[in-house]
Amino acid sequence: EREIQEEAHRASPGVQSLWTDLAGGRLQAATLAALDAQAAEALALLREQRVSEGVVKLGALYRIPADLSDPVLGAGPEGYPSGVVREFYAFVAASLDKIPVVLDGTRSLELLARGLSGYWQVLLDRSRLDAPVIRTELFQDGRVVDHRTLDYRSPVFGVGSLAYSRAVTAIAATWLALWREAHGDVTRMAAPRQVRPRDG
């Protein structure tokens, strides 16, 4: 895990370009090419049966879907008033034990590697739709709202919960798509359990 974290936070052309595109709301062709190159490194290692190195490279790619799923990073060039980001992250961190991780669309787990570029853009689009809620709820009357005054009934909880599940699903979808591309075994992967709402 330590090696994956270090690799994920290592400066790379793909991640640097991704951060530029986050503000603009559109993943540019050059960014996608750089991210594809990072994925290709992982795939090459796995195909060469250099499994330990390949797993580290593959694991580190979580950074791409995680960043794209974060509404704070998708806020656009205007960003947020000072203190809003701190309060949002503090609220989400304090609420993690109340956030159920749900699968954000079962079909995403069936993606092929060639479908990742479009999928990643959809993640960014959805994050940008959520971003204004954070500003509206955490900056009122010219002041930053203390996250400790909010609870699960707040729209901020909804945004944080959706973003968290979106990120977890997107990381899994990205890993699985690339694992299939490397001809990894997915036959023992359990099918997701669907939970339907019940009255009463």
N, C-alpha and C. Protein backbone atom coordinates (compact mmCIF):
# COMPACT_ATOMS: atom_id res chain seq x y z
N GLU A 1 0.83 -1.21 0.00
CA GLU A 1 0.00 0.00 0.00
C GLU A 1 0.87 1.26 0.00
N ARG A 2 1.95 1.23 0.76
CA ARG A 2 2.84 2.41 0.80
C ARG A 2 3.41 2.69 -0.58
N GLU A 3 3.84 1.65 -1.29
CA GLU A 3 4.40 1.82 -2.63
C GLU A 3 3.36 2.40 -3.60
N ILE A 4 2.11 1.95 -3.46
CA ILE A 4 1.05 2.46 -4.34
C ILE A 4 0.80 3.93 -4.07
N GLN A 5 0.76 4.31 -2.80
CA GLN A 5 0.53 5.72 -2.45
C GLN A 5 1.67 6.59 -2.97
N GLU A 6 2.89 6.12 -2.82
CA GLU A 6 4.04 6.90 -3.29
C GLU A 6 3.97 7.07 -4.81
N GLU A 7 3.63 5.99 -5.51
CA GLU A 7 3.53 6.06 -6.98
C GLU A 7 2.39 6.98 -7.40
N ALA A 8 1.27 6.92 -6.68
CA ALA A 8 0.11 7.75 -7.02
C ALA A 8 0.41 9.23 -6.88
N HIS A 9 1.26 9.59 -5.94
CA HIS A 9 1.55 11.00 -5.68
C HIS A 9 2.85 11.46 -6.34
N ARG A 10 3.44 10.59 -7.13
CA ARG A 10 4.63 10.99 -7.88
C ARG A 10 4.20 11.88 -9.05
N ALA A 11 4.92 12.96 -9.25
CA ALA A 11 4.59 13.89 -10.33
C ALA A 11 4.67 13.17 -11.68
N SER A 12 3.67 13.36 -12.50
CA SER A 12 3.66 12.76 -13.83
C SER A 12 2.95 13.70 -14.78
N PRO A 13 3.27 13.65 -16.06
CA PRO A 13 2.61 14.52 -17.04
C PRO A 13 1.10 14.33 -17.05
N GLY A 14 0.65 13.08 -16.89
CA GLY A 14 -0.79 12.82 -16.92
C GLY A 14 -1.53 13.49 -15.80
N VAL A 15 -1.03 13.35 -14.57
CA VAL A 15 -1.71 13.93 -13.41
C VAL A 15 -1.63 15.45 -13.45
N GLN A 16 -0.49 16.00 -13.84
CA GLN A 16 -0.36 17.46 -13.93
C GLN A 16 -1.34 18.03 -14.96
N SER A 17 -1.46 17.36 -16.09
CA SER A 17 -2.39 17.79 -17.12
C SER A 17 -3.84 17.62 -16.66
N LEU A 18 -4.08 16.55 -15.92
CA LEU A 18 -5.43 16.30 -15.38
C LEU A 18 -5.88 17.44 -14.49
N TRP A 19 -4.99 17.91 -13.63
CA TRP A 19 -5.35 18.99 -12.71
C TRP A 19 -5.66 20.28 -13.46
N THR A 20 -4.98 20.50 -14.56
CA THR A 20 -5.29 21.68 -15.38
C THR A 20 -6.68 21.55 -15.97
N ASP A 21 -7.01 20.36 -16.46
CA ASP A 21 -8.30 20.14 -17.10
C ASP A 21 -9.46 20.14 -16.12
N LEU A 22 -9.20 19.77 -14.88
CA LEU A 22 -10.27 19.76 -13.87
C LEU A 22 -10.93 21.13 -13.77
N ALA A 23 -10.12 22.16 -13.80
CA ALA A 23 -10.66 23.52 -13.68
C ALA A 23 -11.49 23.91 -14.90
N GLY A 24 -11.08 23.41 -16.06
CA GLY A 24 -11.79 23.77 -17.28
C GLY A 24 -13.01 22.92 -17.56
N GLY A 25 -13.09 21.76 -16.90
CA GLY A 25 -14.26 20.91 -17.05
C GLY A 25 -14.24 19.96 -18.23
N ARG A 26 -13.16 19.93 -18.98
CA ARG A 26 -13.08 19.06 -20.16
C ARG A 26 -11.71 18.41 -20.23
N LEU A 27 -11.68 17.08 -20.31
CA LEU A 27 -10.42 16.37 -20.44
C LEU A 27 -9.93 16.49 -21.88
N GLN A 28 -8.78 17.10 -22.04
CA GLN A 28 -8.23 17.34 -23.37
C GLN A 28 -7.56 16.07 -23.91
N ALA A 29 -7.43 16.03 -25.23
CA ALA A 29 -6.84 14.86 -25.88
C ALA A 29 -5.43 14.58 -25.37
N ALA A 30 -4.65 15.63 -25.13
CA ALA A 30 -3.28 15.44 -24.64
C ALA A 30 -3.28 14.83 -23.24
N THR A 31 -4.23 15.23 -22.42
CA THR A 31 -4.35 14.67 -21.07
C THR A 31 -4.69 13.19 -21.14
N LEU A 32 -5.69 12.86 -21.94
CA LEU A 32 -6.11 11.47 -22.08
C LEU A 32 -4.98 10.60 -22.62
N ALA A 33 -4.20 11.15 -23.55
CA ALA A 33 -3.07 10.40 -24.09
C ALA A 33 -2.03 10.13 -23.00
N ALA A 34 -1.79 11.14 -22.15
CA ALA A 34 -0.81 10.97 -21.07
C ALA A 34 -1.31 9.96 -20.04
N LEU A 35 -2.60 10.00 -19.73
CA LEU A 35 -3.16 9.03 -18.78
C LEU A 35 -3.15 7.63 -19.38
N ASP A 36 -3.45 7.53 -20.66
CA ASP A 36 -3.38 6.23 -21.34
C ASP A 36 -1.96 5.67 -21.29
N ALA A 37 -0.97 6.54 -21.41
CA ALA A 37 0.42 6.11 -21.35
C ALA A 37 0.76 5.55 -19.97
N GLN A 38 0.21 6.18 -18.91
CA GLN A 38 0.43 5.65 -17.57
C GLN A 38 -0.19 4.28 -17.41
N ALA A 39 -1.40 4.12 -17.94
CA ALA A 39 -2.07 2.83 -17.87
C ALA A 39 -1.30 1.79 -18.67
N ALA A 40 -0.76 2.19 -19.81
CA ALA A 40 0.00 1.27 -20.66
C ALA A 40 1.24 0.75 -19.93
N GLU A 41 1.85 1.59 -19.09
CA GLU A 41 3.01 1.15 -18.31
C GLU A 41 2.63 -0.01 -17.40
N ALA A 42 1.49 0.15 -16.72
CA ALA A 42 1.03 -0.91 -15.82
C ALA A 42 0.73 -2.19 -16.60
N LEU A 43 0.04 -2.04 -17.72
CA LEU A 43 -0.31 -3.21 -18.53
C LEU A 43 0.92 -3.93 -19.04
N ALA A 44 1.91 -3.17 -19.48
CA ALA A 44 3.14 -3.78 -20.00
C ALA A 44 3.83 -4.62 -18.92
N LEU A 45 3.89 -4.10 -17.71
CA LEU A 45 4.52 -4.83 -16.61
C LEU A 45 3.76 -6.11 -16.29
N LEU A 46 2.45 -6.03 -16.29
CA LEU A 46 1.65 -7.21 -15.99
C LEU A 46 1.80 -8.27 -17.08
N ARG A 47 1.82 -7.82 -18.33
CA ARG A 47 1.99 -8.77 -19.43
C ARG A 47 3.36 -9.42 -19.43
N GLU A 48 4.35 -8.69 -18.90
CA GLU A 48 5.71 -9.25 -18.79
C GLU A 48 5.86 -10.11 -17.53
N GLN A 49 4.73 -10.27 -16.81
CA GLN A 49 4.68 -11.04 -15.56
C GLN A 49 5.56 -10.45 -14.47
N ARG A 50 5.78 -9.15 -14.55
CA ARG A 50 6.44 -8.41 -13.46
C ARG A 50 5.31 -7.91 -12.57
N VAL A 51 4.70 -8.86 -11.87
CA VAL A 51 3.42 -8.62 -11.21
C VAL A 51 3.51 -7.58 -10.10
N SER A 52 4.52 -7.66 -9.26
CA SER A 52 4.63 -6.72 -8.14
C SER A 52 4.71 -5.28 -8.64
N GLU A 53 5.57 -5.05 -9.63
CA GLU A 53 5.70 -3.70 -10.19
C GLU A 53 4.42 -3.28 -10.90
N GLY A 54 3.82 -4.22 -11.61
CA GLY A 54 2.59 -3.91 -12.34
C GLY A 54 1.43 -3.58 -11.43
N VAL A 55 1.33 -4.29 -10.32
CA VAL A 55 0.24 -4.03 -9.38
C VAL A 55 0.39 -2.65 -8.74
N VAL A 56 1.64 -2.26 -8.46
CA VAL A 56 1.87 -0.92 -7.91
C VAL A 56 1.45 0.15 -8.91
N LYS A 57 1.85 -0.02 -10.17
CA LYS A 57 1.48 0.95 -11.21
C LYS A 57 -0.03 0.99 -11.41
N LEU A 58 -0.63 -0.20 -11.44
CA LEU A 58 -2.09 -0.27 -11.63
C LEU A 58 -2.81 0.33 -10.43
N GLY A 59 -2.37 -0.01 -9.24
CA GLY A 59 -3.01 0.52 -8.04
C GLY A 59 -2.94 2.03 -7.97
N ALA A 60 -1.80 2.58 -8.41
CA ALA A 60 -1.62 4.03 -8.33
C ALA A 60 -2.55 4.79 -9.25
N LEU A 61 -3.12 4.12 -10.23
CA LEU A 61 -4.05 4.78 -11.14
C LEU A 61 -5.36 5.17 -10.47
N TYR A 62 -5.56 4.74 -9.21
CA TYR A 62 -6.77 5.15 -8.48
C TYR A 62 -6.88 6.67 -8.43
N ARG A 63 -5.73 7.33 -8.50
CA ARG A 63 -5.70 8.79 -8.39
C ARG A 63 -6.56 9.46 -9.47
N ILE A 64 -6.61 8.86 -10.66
CA ILE A 64 -7.35 9.47 -11.76
C ILE A 64 -8.85 9.50 -11.46
N PRO A 65 -9.52 8.36 -11.25
CA PRO A 65 -10.96 8.40 -10.96
C PRO A 65 -11.28 9.07 -9.63
N ALA A 66 -10.38 8.96 -8.66
CA ALA A 66 -10.65 9.60 -7.37
C ALA A 66 -10.70 11.12 -7.52
N ASP A 67 -9.74 11.69 -8.22
CA ASP A 67 -9.72 13.15 -8.41
C ASP A 67 -10.91 13.61 -9.26
N LEU A 68 -11.25 12.83 -10.28
CA LEU A 68 -12.37 13.21 -11.14
C LEU A 68 -13.71 13.13 -10.41
N SER A 69 -13.78 12.33 -9.37
CA SER A 69 -15.03 12.16 -8.61
C SER A 69 -15.19 13.18 -7.50
N ASP A 70 -14.18 14.00 -7.27
CA ASP A 70 -14.18 14.96 -6.17
C ASP A 70 -14.81 16.28 -6.62
N PRO A 71 -15.98 16.64 -6.09
CA PRO A 71 -16.62 17.88 -6.51
C PRO A 71 -15.82 19.13 -6.18
N VAL A 72 -14.97 19.07 -5.17
CA VAL A 72 -14.13 20.22 -4.84
C VAL A 72 -13.16 20.52 -5.99
N LEU A 73 -12.58 19.46 -6.55
CA LEU A 73 -11.62 19.64 -7.64
C LEU A 73 -12.30 20.02 -8.95
N GLY A 74 -13.60 19.74 -9.02
CA GLY A 74 -14.34 20.09 -10.22
C GLY A 74 -15.10 21.40 -10.12
N ALA A 75 -14.71 22.23 -9.17
CA ALA A 75 -15.46 23.47 -8.92
C ALA A 75 -15.29 24.51 -10.01
N GLY A 76 -14.29 24.34 -10.85
CA GLY A 76 -14.06 25.32 -11.89
C GLY A 76 -13.04 26.37 -11.47
N PRO A 77 -12.70 27.27 -12.37
CA PRO A 77 -11.63 28.25 -12.08
C PRO A 77 -11.98 29.21 -10.95
N GLU A 78 -13.28 29.40 -10.66
CA GLU A 78 -13.65 30.33 -9.59
C GLU A 78 -13.36 29.76 -8.21
N GLY A 79 -13.30 28.43 -8.10
CA GLY A 79 -13.00 27.80 -6.83
C GLY A 79 -14.02 28.12 -5.75
N TYR A 80 -13.55 28.16 -4.50
CA TYR A 80 -14.42 28.43 -3.35
C TYR A 80 -13.82 29.51 -2.48
N PRO A 81 -14.66 30.21 -1.70
CA PRO A 81 -14.12 31.14 -0.72
C PRO A 81 -13.21 30.41 0.27
N SER A 82 -12.25 31.12 0.80
CA SER A 82 -11.29 30.53 1.74
C SER A 82 -12.02 29.88 2.92
N GLY A 83 -11.64 28.65 3.22
CA GLY A 83 -12.21 27.93 4.36
C GLY A 83 -13.28 26.94 3.98
N VAL A 84 -13.91 27.09 2.82
CA VAL A 84 -15.00 26.19 2.42
C VAL A 84 -14.48 24.77 2.19
N VAL A 85 -13.37 24.66 1.48
CA VAL A 85 -12.81 23.33 1.18
C VAL A 85 -12.45 22.61 2.48
N ARG A 86 -11.83 23.31 3.40
CA ARG A 86 -11.46 22.72 4.69
C ARG A 86 -12.70 22.17 5.40
N GLU A 87 -13.77 22.95 5.43
CA GLU A 87 -14.98 22.52 6.13
C GLU A 87 -15.66 21.35 5.42
N PHE A 88 -15.63 21.34 4.09
CA PHE A 88 -16.24 20.22 3.37
C PHE A 88 -15.51 18.92 3.66
N TYR A 89 -14.19 18.95 3.54
CA TYR A 89 -13.42 17.72 3.79
C TYR A 89 -13.54 17.28 5.25
N ALA A 90 -13.58 18.23 6.15
CA ALA A 90 -13.73 17.89 7.57
C ALA A 90 -15.09 17.24 7.82
N PHE A 91 -16.12 17.76 7.16
CA PHE A 91 -17.47 17.18 7.32
C PHE A 91 -17.52 15.76 6.76
N VAL A 92 -16.95 15.56 5.58
CA VAL A 92 -16.96 14.21 4.99
C VAL A 92 -16.18 13.24 5.87
N ALA A 93 -15.01 13.66 6.34
CA ALA A 93 -14.20 12.79 7.20
C ALA A 93 -14.95 12.40 8.47
N ALA A 94 -15.67 13.37 9.05
CA ALA A 94 -16.42 13.11 10.28
C ALA A 94 -17.67 12.27 10.02
N SER A 95 -18.10 12.20 8.76
CA SER A 95 -19.35 11.49 8.42
C SER A 95 -19.12 10.12 7.80
N LEU A 96 -17.88 9.71 7.63
CA LEU A 96 -17.60 8.47 6.91
C LEU A 96 -18.31 7.26 7.49
N ASP A 97 -18.45 7.23 8.81
CA ASP A 97 -19.10 6.07 9.42
C ASP A 97 -20.61 6.04 9.15
N LYS A 98 -21.14 7.12 8.60
CA LYS A 98 -22.57 7.19 8.29
C LYS A 98 -22.84 7.09 6.79
N ILE A 99 -21.77 7.03 6.00
CA ILE A 99 -21.93 7.00 4.54
C ILE A 99 -21.88 5.55 4.06
N PRO A 100 -22.98 5.04 3.54
CA PRO A 100 -22.94 3.69 2.98
C PRO A 100 -22.29 3.72 1.60
N VAL A 101 -21.35 2.83 1.36
CA VAL A 101 -20.73 2.78 0.05
C VAL A 101 -21.63 1.94 -0.85
N VAL A 102 -22.21 2.59 -1.84
CA VAL A 102 -23.09 1.88 -2.77
C VAL A 102 -22.47 1.91 -4.16
N LEU A 103 -22.80 0.89 -4.94
CA LEU A 103 -22.28 0.80 -6.30
C LEU A 103 -22.98 1.82 -7.18
N ASP A 104 -22.20 2.68 -7.79
CA ASP A 104 -22.74 3.76 -8.61
C ASP A 104 -22.88 3.27 -10.06
N GLY A 105 -23.78 2.30 -10.25
CA GLY A 105 -24.02 1.76 -11.59
C GLY A 105 -23.24 0.49 -11.83
N THR A 106 -23.94 -0.64 -11.93
CA THR A 106 -23.26 -1.93 -12.11
C THR A 106 -22.57 -2.04 -13.47
N ARG A 107 -23.07 -1.35 -14.47
CA ARG A 107 -22.49 -1.48 -15.81
C ARG A 107 -21.09 -0.91 -15.90
N SER A 108 -20.78 0.01 -14.99
CA SER A 108 -19.43 0.59 -15.02
C SER A 108 -18.36 -0.48 -14.73
N LEU A 109 -18.74 -1.52 -13.99
CA LEU A 109 -17.78 -2.58 -13.68
C LEU A 109 -17.55 -3.51 -14.87
N GLU A 110 -18.30 -3.31 -15.93
CA GLU A 110 -18.14 -4.12 -17.14
C GLU A 110 -17.40 -3.37 -18.24
N LEU A 111 -16.93 -2.17 -17.94
CA LEU A 111 -16.24 -1.35 -18.93
C LEU A 111 -15.00 -2.03 -19.49
N LEU A 112 -14.75 -1.78 -20.76
CA LEU A 112 -13.48 -2.18 -21.35
C LEU A 112 -12.53 -0.98 -21.29
N ALA A 113 -11.25 -1.25 -21.43
CA ALA A 113 -10.25 -0.19 -21.31
C ALA A 113 -10.50 0.95 -22.30
N ARG A 114 -10.96 0.62 -23.50
CA ARG A 114 -11.17 1.67 -24.50
C ARG A 114 -12.33 2.61 -24.13
N GLY A 115 -13.14 2.21 -23.16
CA GLY A 115 -14.25 3.05 -22.73
C GLY A 115 -13.93 3.96 -21.57
N LEU A 116 -12.70 3.89 -21.06
CA LEU A 116 -12.36 4.66 -19.86
C LEU A 116 -12.35 6.16 -20.10
N SER A 117 -11.88 6.61 -21.25
CA SER A 117 -11.80 8.06 -21.50
C SER A 117 -13.17 8.72 -21.38
N GLY A 118 -14.17 8.13 -22.03
CA GLY A 118 -15.53 8.68 -21.95
C GLY A 118 -16.09 8.59 -20.55
N TYR A 119 -15.80 7.49 -19.87
CA TYR A 119 -16.28 7.30 -18.49
C TYR A 119 -15.67 8.34 -17.57
N TRP A 120 -14.40 8.61 -17.72
CA TRP A 120 -13.74 9.61 -16.88
C TRP A 120 -14.34 10.99 -17.09
N GLN A 121 -14.69 11.32 -18.33
CA GLN A 121 -15.31 12.62 -18.58
C GLN A 121 -16.67 12.71 -17.90
N VAL A 122 -17.42 11.62 -17.90
CA VAL A 122 -18.73 11.60 -17.21
C VAL A 122 -18.54 11.86 -15.71
N LEU A 123 -17.50 11.28 -15.13
CA LEU A 123 -17.22 11.52 -13.71
C LEU A 123 -17.01 13.01 -13.44
N LEU A 124 -16.22 13.64 -14.29
CA LEU A 124 -15.94 15.06 -14.12
C LEU A 124 -17.21 15.89 -14.30
N ASP A 125 -18.02 15.53 -15.28
CA ASP A 125 -19.28 16.26 -15.50
C ASP A 125 -20.17 16.19 -14.26
N ARG A 126 -20.26 15.02 -13.66
CA ARG A 126 -21.12 14.85 -12.48
C ARG A 126 -20.55 15.59 -11.28
N SER A 127 -19.26 15.61 -11.14
CA SER A 127 -18.64 16.34 -10.03
C SER A 127 -18.91 17.83 -10.16
N ARG A 128 -18.85 18.34 -11.37
CA ARG A 128 -19.08 19.77 -11.59
C ARG A 128 -20.53 20.16 -11.29
N LEU A 129 -21.45 19.23 -11.50
CA LEU A 129 -22.85 19.50 -11.15
C LEU A 129 -23.04 19.60 -9.64
N ASP A 130 -22.26 18.83 -8.88
CA ASP A 130 -22.38 18.83 -7.42
C ASP A 130 -21.66 20.01 -6.77
N ALA A 131 -20.64 20.53 -7.45
CA ALA A 131 -19.77 21.54 -6.84
C ALA A 131 -20.50 22.77 -6.31
N PRO A 132 -21.50 23.32 -7.02
CA PRO A 132 -22.16 24.54 -6.50
C PRO A 132 -22.89 24.34 -5.17
N VAL A 133 -23.32 23.11 -4.89
CA VAL A 133 -24.03 22.84 -3.63
C VAL A 133 -23.11 23.13 -2.44
N ILE A 134 -21.84 22.76 -2.60
CA ILE A 134 -20.87 22.99 -1.52
C ILE A 134 -20.75 24.48 -1.23
N ARG A 135 -20.65 25.26 -2.28
CA ARG A 135 -20.52 26.72 -2.11
C ARG A 135 -21.78 27.30 -1.45
N THR A 136 -22.94 26.87 -1.93
CA THR A 136 -24.21 27.40 -1.42
C THR A 136 -24.41 27.09 0.06
N GLU A 137 -24.09 25.86 0.43
CA GLU A 137 -24.37 25.40 1.80
C GLU A 137 -23.29 25.78 2.81
N LEU A 138 -22.05 25.92 2.35
CA LEU A 138 -20.96 26.16 3.29
C LEU A 138 -20.45 27.60 3.27
N PHE A 139 -21.10 28.45 2.51
CA PHE A 139 -20.74 29.87 2.53
C PHE A 139 -22.03 30.68 2.46
N GLN A 140 -22.47 31.14 3.63
CA GLN A 140 -23.75 31.84 3.71
C GLN A 140 -23.58 33.17 4.44
N ASP A 141 -24.24 34.17 3.91
CA ASP A 141 -24.19 35.52 4.49
C ASP A 141 -22.75 36.02 4.63
N GLY A 142 -21.92 35.66 3.67
CA GLY A 142 -20.54 36.14 3.67
C GLY A 142 -19.63 35.42 4.64
N ARG A 143 -20.10 34.31 5.22
CA ARG A 143 -19.29 33.58 6.21
C ARG A 143 -19.23 32.10 5.88
N VAL A 144 -18.11 31.48 6.27
CA VAL A 144 -17.96 30.04 6.12
C VAL A 144 -18.75 29.34 7.22
N VAL A 145 -19.52 28.34 6.85
CA VAL A 145 -20.33 27.59 7.81
C VAL A 145 -19.47 26.51 8.47
N ASP A 146 -19.51 26.45 9.78
CA ASP A 146 -18.77 25.43 10.53
C ASP A 146 -19.40 24.06 10.24
N HIS A 147 -18.58 23.11 9.79
CA HIS A 147 -19.11 21.80 9.43
C HIS A 147 -19.78 21.08 10.61
N ARG A 148 -19.43 21.48 11.82
CA ARG A 148 -20.02 20.82 13.00
C ARG A 148 -21.47 21.19 13.22
N THR A 149 -21.95 22.20 12.49
CA THR A 149 -23.37 22.57 12.60
C THR A 149 -24.24 21.78 11.62
N LEU A 150 -23.62 20.94 10.78
CA LEU A 150 -24.35 20.17 9.78
C LEU A 150 -24.51 18.72 10.22
N ASP A 151 -25.51 18.06 9.65
CA ASP A 151 -25.66 16.62 9.90
C ASP A 151 -26.11 15.94 8.61
N TYR A 152 -26.59 14.71 8.74
CA TYR A 152 -26.92 13.92 7.55
C TYR A 152 -28.09 14.49 6.75
N ARG A 153 -28.82 15.43 7.31
CA ARG A 153 -29.94 16.05 6.59
C ARG A 153 -29.49 17.16 5.65
N SER A 154 -28.24 17.55 5.75
CA SER A 154 -27.73 18.64 4.93
C SER A 154 -27.46 18.17 3.50
N PRO A 155 -27.71 19.02 2.52
CA PRO A 155 -27.33 18.69 1.13
C PRO A 155 -25.84 18.38 1.00
N VAL A 156 -25.03 18.93 1.90
CA VAL A 156 -23.59 18.66 1.85
C VAL A 156 -23.33 17.18 2.11
N PHE A 157 -24.13 16.57 3.00
CA PHE A 157 -23.99 15.14 3.25
C PHE A 157 -24.31 14.36 1.98
N GLY A 158 -25.37 14.77 1.28
CA GLY A 158 -25.74 14.11 0.04
C GLY A 158 -24.64 14.18 -0.99
N VAL A 159 -24.05 15.36 -1.16
CA VAL A 159 -22.96 15.53 -2.13
C VAL A 159 -21.75 14.69 -1.73
N GLY A 160 -21.39 14.74 -0.46
CA GLY A 160 -20.24 13.96 0.01
C GLY A 160 -20.46 12.47 -0.14
N SER A 161 -21.67 12.01 0.19
CA SER A 161 -21.99 10.59 0.10
C SER A 161 -21.95 10.11 -1.35
N LEU A 162 -22.57 10.87 -2.24
CA LEU A 162 -22.58 10.50 -3.66
C LEU A 162 -21.16 10.49 -4.24
N ALA A 163 -20.38 11.50 -3.88
CA ALA A 163 -19.02 11.60 -4.40
C ALA A 163 -18.16 10.43 -3.91
N TYR A 164 -18.35 10.05 -2.65
CA TYR A 164 -17.57 8.95 -2.07
C TYR A 164 -17.88 7.65 -2.79
N SER A 165 -19.17 7.36 -2.96
CA SER A 165 -19.55 6.13 -3.67
C SER A 165 -19.13 6.17 -5.13
N ARG A 166 -19.24 7.35 -5.73
CA ARG A 166 -18.82 7.50 -7.12
C ARG A 166 -17.33 7.20 -7.27
N ALA A 167 -16.53 7.69 -6.33
CA ALA A 167 -15.08 7.47 -6.38
C ALA A 167 -14.74 6.00 -6.19
N VAL A 168 -15.36 5.35 -5.20
CA VAL A 168 -15.07 3.94 -4.95
C VAL A 168 -15.44 3.10 -6.17
N THR A 169 -16.60 3.36 -6.74
CA THR A 169 -17.04 2.62 -7.93
C THR A 169 -16.09 2.89 -9.10
N ALA A 170 -15.72 4.15 -9.30
CA ALA A 170 -14.88 4.51 -10.44
C ALA A 170 -13.48 3.91 -10.33
N ILE A 171 -12.95 3.85 -9.12
CA ILE A 171 -11.64 3.22 -8.93
C ILE A 171 -11.72 1.74 -9.30
N ALA A 172 -12.76 1.07 -8.80
CA ALA A 172 -12.93 -0.35 -9.12
C ALA A 172 -13.13 -0.55 -10.62
N ALA A 173 -13.94 0.31 -11.24
CA ALA A 173 -14.20 0.20 -12.69
C ALA A 173 -12.92 0.37 -13.49
N THR A 174 -12.10 1.34 -13.10
CA THR A 174 -10.83 1.60 -13.80
C THR A 174 -9.89 0.42 -13.66
N TRP A 175 -9.72 -0.07 -12.44
CA TRP A 175 -8.84 -1.21 -12.22
C TRP A 175 -9.31 -2.44 -13.00
N LEU A 176 -10.62 -2.72 -12.95
CA LEU A 176 -11.15 -3.90 -13.62
C LEU A 176 -10.99 -3.82 -15.14
N ALA A 177 -11.24 -2.65 -15.69
CA ALA A 177 -11.10 -2.48 -17.14
C ALA A 177 -9.67 -2.77 -17.59
N LEU A 178 -8.72 -2.28 -16.84
CA LEU A 178 -7.31 -2.49 -17.19
C LEU A 178 -6.86 -3.91 -16.88
N TRP A 179 -7.40 -4.48 -15.81
CA TRP A 179 -7.07 -5.87 -15.47
C TRP A 179 -7.56 -6.82 -16.57
N ARG A 180 -8.75 -6.54 -17.10
CA ARG A 180 -9.24 -7.35 -18.23
C ARG A 180 -8.35 -7.17 -19.45
N GLU A 181 -7.92 -5.94 -19.68
CA GLU A 181 -7.05 -5.66 -20.83
C GLU A 181 -5.75 -6.45 -20.72
N ALA A 182 -5.30 -6.69 -19.49
CA ALA A 182 -4.08 -7.46 -19.27
C ALA A 182 -4.37 -8.96 -19.20
N HIS A 183 -5.62 -9.33 -19.50
CA HIS A 183 -6.07 -10.72 -19.48
C HIS A 183 -6.01 -11.32 -18.08
N GLY A 184 -6.27 -10.46 -17.09
CA GLY A 184 -6.34 -10.95 -15.71
C GLY A 184 -7.61 -11.75 -15.49
N ASP A 185 -7.59 -12.62 -14.52
CA ASP A 185 -8.72 -13.49 -14.22
C ASP A 185 -9.79 -12.73 -13.42
N VAL A 186 -11.00 -12.68 -13.95
CA VAL A 186 -12.11 -12.05 -13.24
C VAL A 186 -13.25 -13.04 -13.00
N THR A 187 -12.96 -14.32 -13.21
CA THR A 187 -14.03 -15.32 -13.12
C THR A 187 -14.51 -15.52 -11.69
N ARG A 188 -13.68 -15.19 -10.72
CA ARG A 188 -14.09 -15.40 -9.32
C ARG A 188 -14.63 -14.13 -8.67
N MET A 189 -14.85 -13.10 -9.49
CA MET A 189 -15.39 -11.85 -8.95
C MET A 189 -16.87 -12.02 -8.64
N ALA A 190 -17.25 -11.73 -7.41
CA ALA A 190 -18.65 -11.88 -7.00
C ALA A 190 -19.52 -10.83 -7.68
N ALA A 191 -20.74 -11.21 -7.98
CA ALA A 191 -21.68 -10.27 -8.58
C ALA A 191 -22.18 -9.30 -7.51
N PRO A 192 -22.35 -8.02 -7.86
CA PRO A 192 -22.86 -7.05 -6.86
C PRO A 192 -24.26 -7.44 -6.40
N ARG A 193 -24.53 -7.20 -5.14
CA ARG A 193 -25.86 -7.49 -4.59
C ARG A 193 -26.72 -6.24 -4.72
N GLN A 194 -27.84 -6.37 -5.39
CA GLN A 194 -28.72 -5.21 -5.57
C GLN A 194 -29.65 -5.09 -4.37
N VAL A 195 -29.72 -3.89 -3.83
CA VAL A 195 -30.58 -3.61 -2.70
C VAL A 195 -31.69 -2.68 -3.19
N ARG A 196 -32.91 -3.11 -3.06
CA ARG A 196 -34.04 -2.32 -3.53
C ARG A 196 -34.76 -1.69 -2.33
N PRO A 197 -35.27 -0.47 -2.50
CA PRO A 197 -35.98 0.17 -1.39
C PRO A 197 -37.24 -0.59 -1.03
N ARG A 198 -37.54 -0.59 0.25
CA ARG A 198 -38.75 -1.27 0.73
C ARG A 198 -39.65 -0.28 1.46
N ASP A 199 -40.94 -0.42 1.30
CA ASP A 199 -41.88 0.42 2.02
C ASP A 199 -41.94 -0.01 3.47
N GLY A 200 -42.11 0.99 4.31
CA GLY A 200 -42.26 0.69 5.74
C GLY A 200 -40.95 0.41 6.38
